[in-house]
């Protein structure tokens, strides 16, 4: 799958923080990734269309064009009939590639490719303590009024040393893979925003997880210990998981 422009708002506004990304996938879930629920059933959130007023919606994948929770064609097939991008929500990735043209950065990695940046081997930050790391994340303002998204995000966002919102998930994940950024989390990512970077982070020695909380799938990547901490914080906001 190919994402021609990830970071649409940045692209339109003249920022260099956008990229093109692709993933060569195999069918089926990645057995090494923690999955909170059947990922063939993606959350009922708009992950496809963006309004002209907010083109960043197409690059973030977690910003509803309508009310949060409104189902769209990009939101996912039913559990009984997964198809298209949703069937690839957490697929094995043979090769992920992210290219940030205006900074001439090319990240590669996957099951068939060691993690590199412009041909030089890279690795995630070796520190496992999320409290020592910078987290890069995104939550569309429309979700701040929705407790099912806002509460898990707030619990996870309290953990890292600092937070960044930079506007391109794939650019973020490339920098997590090289250790420039520590850990990444975001909900309701379409496969084209997740799989290229996921592959590179894993090839760089990192961990990834997808966990369902309050009906939304959260995607997490970074050092394994930090991923586990973020996942636990997200799950603590779901009574069905935490038992609260």
C-alpha atoms as a PDB file:
ATOM      1  CA  UNK A   1       0.000   0.000   0.000  1.00  0.00           C
ATOM      2  CA  UNK A   2       1.094   3.563  -0.724  1.00  0.00           C
ATOM      3  CA  UNK A   3       0.478   6.850   1.087  1.00  0.00           C
ATOM      4  CA  UNK A   4       1.484   9.606  -1.367  1.00  0.00           C
ATOM      5  CA  UNK A   5       1.370  12.422   1.199  1.00  0.00           C
ATOM      6  CA  UNK A   6       1.388  11.844   4.950  1.00  0.00           C
ATOM      7  CA  UNK A   7       1.219  15.187   6.719  1.00  0.00           C
ATOM      8  CA  UNK A   8      -1.243  16.933   4.418  1.00  0.00           C
ATOM      9  CA  UNK A   9      -1.673  20.047   6.526  1.00  0.00           C
ATOM     10  CA  UNK A  10       2.096  20.447   6.774  1.00  0.00           C
ATOM     11  CA  UNK A  11       2.431  19.973   3.016  1.00  0.00           C
ATOM     12  CA  UNK A  12      -0.187  22.640   2.273  1.00  0.00           C
ATOM     13  CA  UNK A  13       1.249  25.088   4.776  1.00  0.00           C
ATOM     14  CA  UNK A  14       4.833  24.878   3.530  1.00  0.00           C
ATOM     15  CA  UNK A  15       6.365  22.773   6.289  1.00  0.00           C
ATOM     16  CA  UNK A  16       8.976  20.178   5.332  1.00  0.00           C
ATOM     17  CA  UNK A  17       7.500  17.697   7.856  1.00  0.00           C
ATOM     18  CA  UNK A  18       5.602  15.486   5.407  1.00  0.00           C
ATOM     19  CA  UNK A  19       6.515  12.337   3.538  1.00  0.00           C
ATOM     20  CA  UNK A  20       5.493   9.569   1.181  1.00  0.00           C
ATOM     21  CA  UNK A  21       5.317   6.045   2.559  1.00  0.00           C
ATOM     22  CA  UNK A  22       4.687   2.506   1.413  1.00  0.00           C
ATOM     23  CA  UNK A  23       4.386  -0.968   2.890  1.00  0.00           C
ATOM     24  CA  UNK A  24       4.756  -4.351   1.206  1.00  0.00           C
ATOM     25  CA  UNK A  25       2.580  -6.635   3.310  1.00  0.00           C
ATOM     26  CA  UNK A  26       1.711 -10.251   3.869  1.00  0.00           C
ATOM     27  CA  UNK A  27      -1.813 -11.249   4.839  1.00  0.00           C
ATOM     28  CA  UNK A  28      -2.528 -11.936   8.496  1.00  0.00           C
ATOM     29  CA  UNK A  29      -1.709 -10.297  11.791  1.00  0.00           C
ATOM     30  CA  UNK A  30       1.821  -9.910  13.042  1.00  0.00           C
ATOM     31  CA  UNK A  31       2.133 -12.590  15.716  1.00  0.00           C
ATOM     32  CA  UNK A  32       4.688 -10.478  17.554  1.00  0.00           C
ATOM     33  CA  UNK A  33       2.313  -7.563  18.019  1.00  0.00           C
ATOM     34  CA  UNK A  34      -0.038  -7.345  20.962  1.00  0.00           C
ATOM     35  CA  UNK A  35      -3.568  -7.002  19.632  1.00  0.00           C
ATOM     36  CA  UNK A  36      -6.361  -5.916  21.950  1.00  0.00           C
ATOM     37  CA  UNK A  37      -9.146  -7.310  19.773  1.00  0.00           C
ATOM     38  CA  UNK A  38      -9.822  -8.600  16.289  1.00  0.00           C
ATOM     39  CA  UNK A  39      -8.284  -5.846  14.193  1.00  0.00           C
ATOM     40  CA  UNK A  40     -10.357  -6.819  11.190  1.00  0.00           C
ATOM     41  CA  UNK A  41     -13.051  -4.840  12.992  1.00  0.00           C
ATOM     42  CA  UNK A  42     -11.551  -1.367  12.886  1.00  0.00           C
ATOM     43  CA  UNK A  43     -13.176   1.332  15.044  1.00  0.00           C
ATOM     44  CA  UNK A  44     -16.190   3.201  13.734  1.00  0.00           C
ATOM     45  CA  UNK A  45     -14.322   6.433  13.173  1.00  0.00           C
ATOM     46  CA  UNK A  46     -13.719   8.443  10.029  1.00  0.00           C
ATOM     47  CA  UNK A  47     -10.219   7.594   8.827  1.00  0.00           C
ATOM     48  CA  UNK A  48     -10.646   8.493   5.193  1.00  0.00           C
ATOM     49  CA  UNK A  49     -12.126  11.879   4.375  1.00  0.00           C
ATOM     50  CA  UNK A  50     -10.905  15.317   5.377  1.00  0.00           C
ATOM     51  CA  UNK A  51     -12.751  18.558   5.026  1.00  0.00           C
ATOM     52  CA  UNK A  52     -11.193  21.291   2.937  1.00  0.00           C
ATOM     53  CA  UNK A  53     -10.853  23.306   6.119  1.00  0.00           C
ATOM     54  CA  UNK A  54      -8.750  20.642   7.800  1.00  0.00           C
ATOM     55  CA  UNK A  55      -6.674  18.650   5.291  1.00  0.00           C
ATOM     56  CA  UNK A  56      -4.602  17.251   8.136  1.00  0.00           C
ATOM     57  CA  UNK A  57      -7.434  14.820   8.777  1.00  0.00           C
ATOM     58  CA  UNK A  58      -6.266  12.553   5.966  1.00  0.00           C
ATOM     59  CA  UNK A  59      -2.777  12.258   7.394  1.00  0.00           C
ATOM     60  CA  UNK A  60      -3.653  11.763  11.038  1.00  0.00           C
ATOM     61  CA  UNK A  61      -6.280   9.102  10.565  1.00  0.00           C
ATOM     62  CA  UNK A  62      -7.843   9.889  13.926  1.00  0.00           C
ATOM     63  CA  UNK A  63      -9.765  13.067  13.257  1.00  0.00           C
ATOM     64  CA  UNK A  64     -13.465  12.743  12.491  1.00  0.00           C
ATOM     65  CA  UNK A  65     -14.869  14.818   9.651  1.00  0.00           C
ATOM     66  CA  UNK A  66     -18.245  14.453  11.378  1.00  0.00           C
ATOM     67  CA  UNK A  67     -19.097  13.651  14.979  1.00  0.00           C
ATOM     68  CA  UNK A  68     -16.670  11.183  16.609  1.00  0.00           C
ATOM     69  CA  UNK A  69     -18.019   7.685  16.156  1.00  0.00           C
ATOM     70  CA  UNK A  70     -19.678   8.300  12.797  1.00  0.00           C
ATOM     71  CA  UNK A  71     -19.090   5.342  10.514  1.00  0.00           C
ATOM     72  CA  UNK A  72     -17.652   5.917   7.064  1.00  0.00           C
ATOM     73  CA  UNK A  73     -16.314   3.836   4.211  1.00  0.00           C
ATOM     74  CA  UNK A  74     -12.844   4.340   5.633  1.00  0.00           C
ATOM     75  CA  UNK A  75     -13.809   3.269   9.104  1.00  0.00           C
ATOM     76  CA  UNK A  76     -13.732  -0.458   8.617  1.00  0.00           C
ATOM     77  CA  UNK A  77     -15.643  -3.458   7.413  1.00  0.00           C
ATOM     78  CA  UNK A  78     -17.740  -5.604   9.680  1.00  0.00           C
ATOM     79  CA  UNK A  79     -15.964  -8.319  11.692  1.00  0.00           C
ATOM     80  CA  UNK A  80     -17.480 -10.971   9.453  1.00  0.00           C
ATOM     81  CA  UNK A  81     -16.282  -9.441   6.214  1.00  0.00           C
ATOM     82  CA  UNK A  82     -12.956  -7.609   6.533  1.00  0.00           C
ATOM     83  CA  UNK A  83     -11.726  -6.138   3.302  1.00  0.00           C
ATOM     84  CA  UNK A  84      -9.339  -3.578   1.871  1.00  0.00           C
ATOM     85  CA  UNK A  85      -7.130  -1.596   4.220  1.00  0.00           C
ATOM     86  CA  UNK A  86      -8.961  -2.838   7.319  1.00  0.00           C
ATOM     87  CA  UNK A  87      -7.981  -6.437   6.621  1.00  0.00           C
ATOM     88  CA  UNK A  88      -4.381  -5.157   6.708  1.00  0.00           C
ATOM     89  CA  UNK A  89      -4.792  -3.195   9.936  1.00  0.00           C
ATOM     90  CA  UNK A  90      -1.840  -4.934  11.600  1.00  0.00           C
ATOM     91  CA  UNK A  91      -0.455  -7.150   8.845  1.00  0.00           C
ATOM     92  CA  UNK A  92       3.053  -8.531   8.627  1.00  0.00           C
ATOM     93  CA  UNK A  93       5.219  -6.081   6.681  1.00  0.00           C
ATOM     94  CA  UNK A  94       7.996  -7.397   4.475  1.00  0.00           C
ATOM     95  CA  UNK A  95       9.253  -3.890   3.673  1.00  0.00           C
ATOM     96  CA  UNK A  96       8.335  -0.442   4.939  1.00  0.00           C
ATOM     97  CA  UNK A  97       9.689   2.722   3.346  1.00  0.00           C
ATOM     98  CA  UNK A  98       9.271   6.370   4.357  1.00  0.00           C
ATOM     99  CA  UNK A  99      10.754   9.211   2.314  1.00  0.00           C
ATOM    100  CA  UNK A 100      10.787  12.816   3.502  1.00  0.00           C
ATOM    101  CA  UNK A 101      11.800  14.559   0.268  1.00  0.00           C
ATOM    102  CA  UNK A 102      12.555  18.086   1.437  1.00  0.00           C
ATOM    103  CA  UNK A 103      14.972  16.747   4.042  1.00  0.00           C
ATOM    104  CA  UNK A 104      16.172  13.875   1.820  1.00  0.00           C
ATOM    105  CA  UNK A 105      15.561  11.245   4.498  1.00  0.00           C
ATOM    106  CA  UNK A 106      14.777   7.661   3.499  1.00  0.00           C
ATOM    107  CA  UNK A 107      13.907   5.153   6.225  1.00  0.00           C
ATOM    108  CA  UNK A 108      13.709   1.463   5.327  1.00  0.00           C
ATOM    109  CA  UNK A 109      12.935  -1.617   7.386  1.00  0.00           C
ATOM    110  CA  UNK A 110      10.836  -4.748   7.623  1.00  0.00           C
ATOM    111  CA  UNK A 111      10.936  -8.508   7.861  1.00  0.00           C
ATOM    112  CA  UNK A 112      13.172  -8.579   4.775  1.00  0.00           C
ATOM    113  CA  UNK A 113      15.129  -5.374   5.410  1.00  0.00           C
ATOM    114  CA  UNK A 114      17.259  -4.122   8.331  1.00  0.00           C
ATOM    115  CA  UNK A 115      16.316  -0.689   9.646  1.00  0.00           C
ATOM    116  CA  UNK A 116      18.302   2.096   7.991  1.00  0.00           C
ATOM    117  CA  UNK A 117      18.212   5.851   7.458  1.00  0.00           C
ATOM    118  CA  UNK A 118      19.828   6.798   4.152  1.00  0.00           C
ATOM    119  CA  UNK A 119      21.639   3.460   4.208  1.00  0.00           C
ATOM    120  CA  UNK A 120      23.009   3.805   7.750  1.00  0.00           C
ATOM    121  CA  UNK A 121      21.779   1.289  10.387  1.00  0.00           C
ATOM    122  CA  UNK A 122      19.490   2.757  13.040  1.00  0.00           C
ATOM    123  CA  UNK A 123      17.913   1.637  16.321  1.00  0.00           C
ATOM    124  CA  UNK A 124      15.261   2.822  18.734  1.00  0.00           C
ATOM    125  CA  UNK A 125      16.186   4.649  21.927  1.00  0.00           C
ATOM    126  CA  UNK A 126      17.677   2.001  24.253  1.00  0.00           C
ATOM    127  CA  UNK A 127      15.960   3.497  27.317  1.00  0.00           C
ATOM    128  CA  UNK A 128      12.881   1.535  28.355  1.00  0.00           C
ATOM    129  CA  UNK A 129      11.516   4.007  30.947  1.00  0.00           C
ATOM    130  CA  UNK A 130       8.784   6.029  29.263  1.00  0.00           C
ATOM    131  CA  UNK A 131       9.361   8.775  31.833  1.00  0.00           C
ATOM    132  CA  UNK A 132      12.766   9.435  30.282  1.00  0.00           C
ATOM    133  CA  UNK A 133      11.443   9.695  26.721  1.00  0.00           C
ATOM    134  CA  UNK A 134       9.746  12.213  24.456  1.00  0.00           C
ATOM    135  CA  UNK A 135       6.407  10.931  23.189  1.00  0.00           C
ATOM    136  CA  UNK A 136       5.015  11.976  19.836  1.00  0.00           C
ATOM    137  CA  UNK A 137       1.265  11.696  19.466  1.00  0.00           C
ATOM    138  CA  UNK A 138      -1.866  13.205  17.957  1.00  0.00           C
ATOM    139  CA  UNK A 139      -5.438  13.769  19.096  1.00  0.00           C
ATOM    140  CA  UNK A 140      -7.779  15.797  16.941  1.00  0.00           C
ATOM    141  CA  UNK A 141      -9.447  18.626  18.913  1.00  0.00           C
ATOM    142  CA  UNK A 142     -12.859  17.130  18.182  1.00  0.00           C
ATOM    143  CA  UNK A 143     -11.980  14.102  20.290  1.00  0.00           C
ATOM    144  CA  UNK A 144     -11.124  16.145  23.400  1.00  0.00           C
ATOM    145  CA  UNK A 145     -14.833  16.325  24.232  1.00  0.00           C
ATOM    146  CA  UNK A 146     -15.223  12.545  23.803  1.00  0.00           C
ATOM    147  CA  UNK A 147     -14.213  10.745  27.029  1.00  0.00           C
ATOM    148  CA  UNK A 148     -13.757   7.399  25.299  1.00  0.00           C
ATOM    149  CA  UNK A 149     -10.785   8.901  23.442  1.00  0.00           C
ATOM    150  CA  UNK A 150      -9.776  11.823  25.659  1.00  0.00           C
ATOM    151  CA  UNK A 151      -9.453   9.875  28.919  1.00  0.00           C
ATOM    152  CA  UNK A 152      -7.145   7.118  27.577  1.00  0.00           C
ATOM    153  CA  UNK A 153      -5.054   9.722  25.749  1.00  0.00           C
ATOM    154  CA  UNK A 154      -4.697  11.845  28.888  1.00  0.00           C
ATOM    155  CA  UNK A 155      -3.636   8.858  30.983  1.00  0.00           C
ATOM    156  CA  UNK A 156      -0.962   7.887  28.482  1.00  0.00           C
ATOM    157  CA  UNK A 157       0.134  11.489  27.911  1.00  0.00           C
ATOM    158  CA  UNK A 158       0.997  11.933  31.599  1.00  0.00           C
ATOM    159  CA  UNK A 159       3.766   9.328  31.438  1.00  0.00           C
ATOM    160  CA  UNK A 160       6.529  10.651  29.140  1.00  0.00           C
ATOM    161  CA  UNK A 161       9.022  13.386  29.903  1.00  0.00           C
ATOM    162  CA  UNK A 162       7.534  15.616  27.206  1.00  0.00           C
ATOM    163  CA  UNK A 163       5.026  15.522  24.329  1.00  0.00           C
ATOM    164  CA  UNK A 164       5.253  16.490  20.675  1.00  0.00           C
ATOM    165  CA  UNK A 165       2.557  16.815  17.979  1.00  0.00           C
ATOM    166  CA  UNK A 166       4.278  17.235  14.628  1.00  0.00           C
ATOM    167  CA  UNK A 167       1.650  16.337  12.041  1.00  0.00           C
ATOM    168  CA  UNK A 168       2.921  13.285  10.142  1.00  0.00           C
ATOM    169  CA  UNK A 169       2.639   9.836  11.674  1.00  0.00           C
ATOM    170  CA  UNK A 170       5.099   8.218   9.294  1.00  0.00           C
ATOM    171  CA  UNK A 171       7.703  10.960   9.808  1.00  0.00           C
ATOM    172  CA  UNK A 172       7.178  10.479  13.547  1.00  0.00           C
ATOM    173  CA  UNK A 173       7.663   6.716  13.342  1.00  0.00           C
ATOM    174  CA  UNK A 174      10.821   7.064  11.270  1.00  0.00           C
ATOM    175  CA  UNK A 175      12.277   9.235  14.011  1.00  0.00           C
ATOM    176  CA  UNK A 176      11.187   6.788  16.689  1.00  0.00           C
ATOM    177  CA  UNK A 177      13.017   4.080  14.744  1.00  0.00           C
ATOM    178  CA  UNK A 178      16.222   6.142  14.711  1.00  0.00           C
ATOM    179  CA  UNK A 179      15.946   7.124  18.376  1.00  0.00           C
ATOM    180  CA  UNK A 180      15.386  10.842  17.764  1.00  0.00           C
ATOM    181  CA  UNK A 181      11.920  10.517  19.326  1.00  0.00           C
ATOM    182  CA  UNK A 182      11.108   8.052  22.077  1.00  0.00           C
ATOM    183  CA  UNK A 183       7.637   6.547  21.765  1.00  0.00           C
ATOM    184  CA  UNK A 184       4.561   7.118  19.586  1.00  0.00           C
ATOM    185  CA  UNK A 185       0.847   6.570  20.172  1.00  0.00           C
ATOM    186  CA  UNK A 186      -2.345   7.481  18.346  1.00  0.00           C
ATOM    187  CA  UNK A 187      -5.804   6.007  17.840  1.00  0.00           C
ATOM    188  CA  UNK A 188      -7.688   4.875  14.743  1.00  0.00           C
ATOM    189  CA  UNK A 189      -4.779   4.957  12.309  1.00  0.00           C
ATOM    190  CA  UNK A 190      -5.519   3.702   8.820  1.00  0.00           C
ATOM    191  CA  UNK A 191      -3.165   0.967   7.683  1.00  0.00           C
ATOM    192  CA  UNK A 192      -1.263   3.265   5.324  1.00  0.00           C
ATOM    193  CA  UNK A 193      -0.355   5.551   8.227  1.00  0.00           C
ATOM    194  CA  UNK A 194       0.717   2.668  10.478  1.00  0.00           C
ATOM    195  CA  UNK A 195       2.301  -0.195   8.572  1.00  0.00           C
ATOM    196  CA  UNK A 196       5.306   1.523   6.939  1.00  0.00           C
ATOM    197  CA  UNK A 197       6.512   2.987  10.235  1.00  0.00           C
ATOM    198  CA  UNK A 198       5.582  -0.071  12.277  1.00  0.00           C
ATOM    199  CA  UNK A 199       7.815  -2.212  10.069  1.00  0.00           C
ATOM    200  CA  UNK A 200      10.774   0.138  10.441  1.00  0.00           C
ATOM    201  CA  UNK A 201      10.405   0.494  14.212  1.00  0.00           C
ATOM    202  CA  UNK A 202      10.292  -3.274  14.668  1.00  0.00           C
ATOM    203  CA  UNK A 203      13.294  -3.737  12.376  1.00  0.00           C
ATOM    204  CA  UNK A 204      15.087  -1.131  14.517  1.00  0.00           C
ATOM    205  CA  UNK A 205      14.616  -3.273  17.623  1.00  0.00           C
ATOM    206  CA  UNK A 206      11.461  -1.619  18.923  1.00  0.00           C
ATOM    207  CA  UNK A 207       8.123  -2.985  20.001  1.00  0.00           C
ATOM    208  CA  UNK A 208       4.635  -2.257  18.710  1.00  0.00           C
ATOM    209  CA  UNK A 209       1.148  -2.818  20.043  1.00  0.00           C
ATOM    210  CA  UNK A 210      -2.429  -2.323  18.969  1.00  0.00           C
ATOM    211  CA  UNK A 211      -4.930  -2.255  21.797  1.00  0.00           C
ATOM    212  CA  UNK A 212      -8.668  -1.672  21.766  1.00  0.00           C
ATOM    213  CA  UNK A 213      -9.911   0.722  24.440  1.00  0.00           C
ATOM    214  CA  UNK A 214     -13.522   1.914  24.633  1.00  0.00           C
ATOM    215  CA  UNK A 215     -14.112   0.659  21.104  1.00  0.00           C
ATOM    216  CA  UNK A 216     -11.142   2.510  19.595  1.00  0.00           C
ATOM    217  CA  UNK A 217      -7.894   0.902  18.449  1.00  0.00           C
ATOM    218  CA  UNK A 218      -4.748   2.599  19.739  1.00  0.00           C
ATOM    219  CA  UNK A 219      -1.436   2.099  17.950  1.00  0.00           C
ATOM    220  CA  UNK A 220       1.809   2.295  19.935  1.00  0.00           C
ATOM    221  CA  UNK A 221       5.479   2.008  18.892  1.00  0.00           C
ATOM    222  CA  UNK A 222       8.866   2.496  20.527  1.00  0.00           C
ATOM    223  CA  UNK A 223      11.156   0.736  23.013  1.00  0.00           C
ATOM    224  CA  UNK A 224       9.365  -2.362  24.335  1.00  0.00           C
ATOM    225  CA  UNK A 225       9.225  -1.160  27.945  1.00  0.00           C
ATOM    226  CA  UNK A 226       7.781   2.207  26.963  1.00  0.00           C
ATOM    227  CA  UNK A 227       5.215   0.553  24.691  1.00  0.00           C
ATOM    228  CA  UNK A 228       4.068  -1.646  27.566  1.00  0.00           C
ATOM    229  CA  UNK A 229       3.704   1.364  29.863  1.00  0.00           C
ATOM    230  CA  UNK A 230       1.674   3.346  27.324  1.00  0.00           C
ATOM    231  CA  UNK A 231      -0.499   0.316  26.622  1.00  0.00           C
ATOM    232  CA  UNK A 232      -1.200  -0.201  30.324  1.00  0.00           C
ATOM    233  CA  UNK A 233      -2.128   3.467  30.753  1.00  0.00           C
ATOM    234  CA  UNK A 234      -4.530   3.319  27.809  1.00  0.00           C
ATOM    235  CA  UNK A 235      -6.142   0.120  29.062  1.00  0.00           C
ATOM    236  CA  UNK A 236      -6.621   1.595  32.541  1.00  0.00           C
ATOM    237  CA  UNK A 237      -9.270   3.902  31.039  1.00  0.00           C
ATOM    238  CA  UNK A 238     -11.429   1.012  29.771  1.00  0.00           C
ATOM    239  CA  UNK A 239     -13.610  -0.587  32.470  1.00  0.00           C
ATOM    240  CA  UNK A 240     -13.935  -3.737  30.367  1.00  0.00           C
ATOM    241  CA  UNK A 241     -10.153  -4.186  30.486  1.00  0.00           C
ATOM    242  CA  UNK A 242      -9.212  -2.722  33.850  1.00  0.00           C
ATOM    243  CA  UNK A 243     -12.177  -4.114  35.796  1.00  0.00           C
ATOM    244  CA  UNK A 244     -12.902  -0.686  37.269  1.00  0.00           C
END
